């Protein structure tokens, strides 16, 4: 029996650039991916994003992630990565559901005033506290 974590072979952060570089991936307004971040103004939290007609190349996306503190959300990962497709199919069978959708949320470490931080004074929080209409299973792959 291997001691290797089975989630390691599922997907890695390094694979994200490969997915984002795929020519069939529509821009953020095609709903296949989004670039968003949590914004706090006057003590109120909300989600910030770019205007509807914004378009990015891969270098700009990486810059917004690393230097702007934006999270990248890629929808329908079960259609983009074989190991994730296999996991989603297995979940459908185990949970007796028609379709398991898998979304990727990649959030950078950023300095957030007043937030509880890690040892480097940084925090990872891409979204404000919220609830979803559907059942959600979260698998954290890193961080």
Protein backbone atom coordinates (compact mmCIF):
# COMPACT_ATOMS: atom_id res chain seq x y z
CA UNK A 1 0.00 0.00 0.00
CA UNK A 2 1.33 3.42 -0.95
CA UNK A 3 1.58 6.29 1.54
CA UNK A 4 1.11 8.74 -1.29
CA UNK A 5 -1.85 11.09 -0.95
CA UNK A 6 -4.36 10.16 -3.71
CA UNK A 7 -5.34 13.83 -4.12
CA UNK A 8 -1.81 14.70 -5.27
CA UNK A 9 -2.40 12.80 -8.52
CA UNK A 10 -5.85 14.39 -9.00
CA UNK A 11 -4.63 17.86 -9.96
CA UNK A 12 -1.84 20.24 -8.98
CA UNK A 13 -1.58 24.01 -8.92
CA UNK A 14 0.98 23.73 -11.71
CA UNK A 15 -1.70 22.19 -13.97
CA UNK A 16 -3.78 25.38 -13.75
CA UNK A 17 -1.72 27.21 -16.40
CA UNK A 18 -2.19 24.30 -18.78
CA UNK A 19 -5.98 24.47 -18.33
CA UNK A 20 -6.05 28.28 -18.69
CA UNK A 21 -3.88 28.10 -21.83
CA UNK A 22 -6.21 25.69 -23.61
CA UNK A 23 -7.53 27.32 -26.83
CA UNK A 24 -11.10 26.08 -26.20
CA UNK A 25 -11.37 27.88 -22.85
CA UNK A 26 -13.68 30.88 -23.31
CA UNK A 27 -12.95 34.21 -21.67
CA UNK A 28 -14.42 35.07 -18.29
CA UNK A 29 -17.71 36.23 -19.79
CA UNK A 30 -18.24 32.88 -21.46
CA UNK A 31 -18.67 31.69 -17.83
CA UNK A 32 -15.91 29.10 -18.15
CA UNK A 33 -13.58 31.08 -15.93
CA UNK A 34 -13.72 34.18 -13.75
CA UNK A 35 -11.19 36.49 -12.12
CA UNK A 36 -12.58 37.81 -8.82
CA UNK A 37 -11.50 39.05 -5.41
CA UNK A 38 -12.93 39.90 -2.05
CA UNK A 39 -13.12 43.65 -1.46
CA UNK A 40 -13.67 45.36 1.90
CA UNK A 41 -14.82 48.99 1.92
CA UNK A 42 -16.05 50.84 4.99
CA UNK A 43 -16.19 47.53 6.85
CA UNK A 44 -18.48 45.97 4.23
CA UNK A 45 -17.43 42.91 2.18
CA UNK A 46 -18.36 42.28 -1.44
CA UNK A 47 -17.00 40.50 -4.51
CA UNK A 48 -15.00 42.52 -7.00
CA UNK A 49 -14.48 41.61 -10.64
CA UNK A 50 -13.52 43.22 -13.92
CA UNK A 51 -15.95 45.02 -16.26
CA UNK A 52 -17.92 42.73 -18.57
CA UNK A 53 -15.83 43.40 -21.68
CA UNK A 54 -12.43 42.74 -20.06
CA UNK A 55 -10.28 40.17 -21.84
CA UNK A 56 -6.99 38.72 -20.60
CA UNK A 57 -4.14 36.73 -22.04
CA UNK A 58 -2.44 34.14 -19.82
CA UNK A 59 0.31 36.56 -18.71
CA UNK A 60 -2.28 39.11 -17.57
CA UNK A 61 -4.21 36.44 -15.66
CA UNK A 62 -1.04 35.36 -13.86
CA UNK A 63 -0.26 39.01 -13.06
CA UNK A 64 -3.76 39.62 -11.63
CA UNK A 65 -3.34 36.48 -9.51
CA UNK A 66 0.15 37.18 -8.16
CA UNK A 67 0.13 40.98 -7.98
CA UNK A 68 -3.55 41.91 -7.75
CA UNK A 69 -4.72 39.34 -5.22
CA UNK A 70 -7.40 38.01 -7.58
CA UNK A 71 -8.72 34.46 -7.39
CA UNK A 72 -9.15 32.46 -10.58
CA UNK A 73 -12.26 30.29 -10.87
CA UNK A 74 -12.41 27.66 -13.61
CA UNK A 75 -15.81 25.99 -14.05
CA UNK A 76 -16.53 22.48 -15.35
CA UNK A 77 -13.14 20.97 -14.55
CA UNK A 78 -14.70 17.53 -15.09
CA UNK A 79 -14.63 18.39 -18.83
CA UNK A 80 -11.01 19.61 -18.78
CA UNK A 81 -8.90 17.12 -16.81
CA UNK A 82 -9.08 13.31 -17.01
CA UNK A 83 -8.37 12.50 -13.35
CA UNK A 84 -11.02 15.00 -12.26
CA UNK A 85 -13.49 13.52 -14.77
CA UNK A 86 -12.89 10.05 -13.27
CA UNK A 87 -13.41 11.39 -9.72
CA UNK A 88 -16.63 13.19 -10.74
CA UNK A 89 -17.97 10.01 -12.39
CA UNK A 90 -17.17 8.02 -9.26
CA UNK A 91 -18.96 10.63 -7.11
CA UNK A 92 -22.02 10.48 -9.38
CA UNK A 93 -22.18 6.71 -8.94
CA UNK A 94 -21.57 6.78 -5.16
CA UNK A 95 -24.02 9.62 -4.50
CA UNK A 96 -26.58 8.44 -7.06
CA UNK A 97 -26.74 11.84 -8.71
CA UNK A 98 -27.13 12.80 -12.36
CA UNK A 99 -24.15 15.14 -12.67
CA UNK A 100 -21.22 16.17 -10.49
CA UNK A 101 -19.81 19.54 -11.48
CA UNK A 102 -16.26 20.37 -10.44
CA UNK A 103 -15.01 23.94 -10.18
CA UNK A 104 -11.46 25.02 -9.38
CA UNK A 105 -10.84 27.96 -7.05
CA UNK A 106 -7.23 29.17 -6.99
CA UNK A 107 -6.63 31.90 -4.43
CA UNK A 108 -3.32 33.69 -3.82
CA UNK A 109 -1.94 34.64 -0.43
CA UNK A 110 -2.55 38.34 0.12
CA UNK A 111 -2.20 40.79 2.97
CA UNK A 112 -5.65 41.56 4.36
CA UNK A 113 -5.88 44.20 7.07
CA UNK A 114 -7.56 42.92 10.23
CA UNK A 115 -7.76 39.29 9.08
CA UNK A 116 -6.29 36.33 10.97
CA UNK A 117 -3.11 35.54 9.04
CA UNK A 118 -0.56 32.78 8.63
CA UNK A 119 3.02 33.02 9.93
CA UNK A 120 3.97 35.30 7.00
CA UNK A 121 1.19 37.79 7.78
CA UNK A 122 -0.78 36.61 4.75
CA UNK A 123 -4.26 35.15 4.36
CA UNK A 124 -6.06 33.18 1.66
CA UNK A 125 -9.66 34.21 1.26
CA UNK A 126 -10.98 34.68 -2.22
CA UNK A 127 -14.66 34.99 -1.39
CA UNK A 128 -16.90 36.60 1.17
CA UNK A 129 -18.84 34.27 3.47
CA UNK A 130 -21.82 32.93 1.54
CA UNK A 131 -24.08 29.94 1.00
CA UNK A 132 -24.85 27.94 -2.12
CA UNK A 133 -28.16 26.57 -3.41
CA UNK A 134 -26.58 23.20 -4.24
CA UNK A 135 -24.78 20.62 -2.13
CA UNK A 136 -21.04 21.24 -2.14
CA UNK A 137 -18.07 19.01 -1.37
CA UNK A 138 -14.79 20.88 -0.99
CA UNK A 139 -11.42 19.23 -1.49
CA UNK A 140 -8.42 21.40 -0.65
CA UNK A 141 -5.40 20.34 -2.69
CA UNK A 142 -2.82 22.80 -1.35
CA UNK A 143 -2.27 25.49 1.26
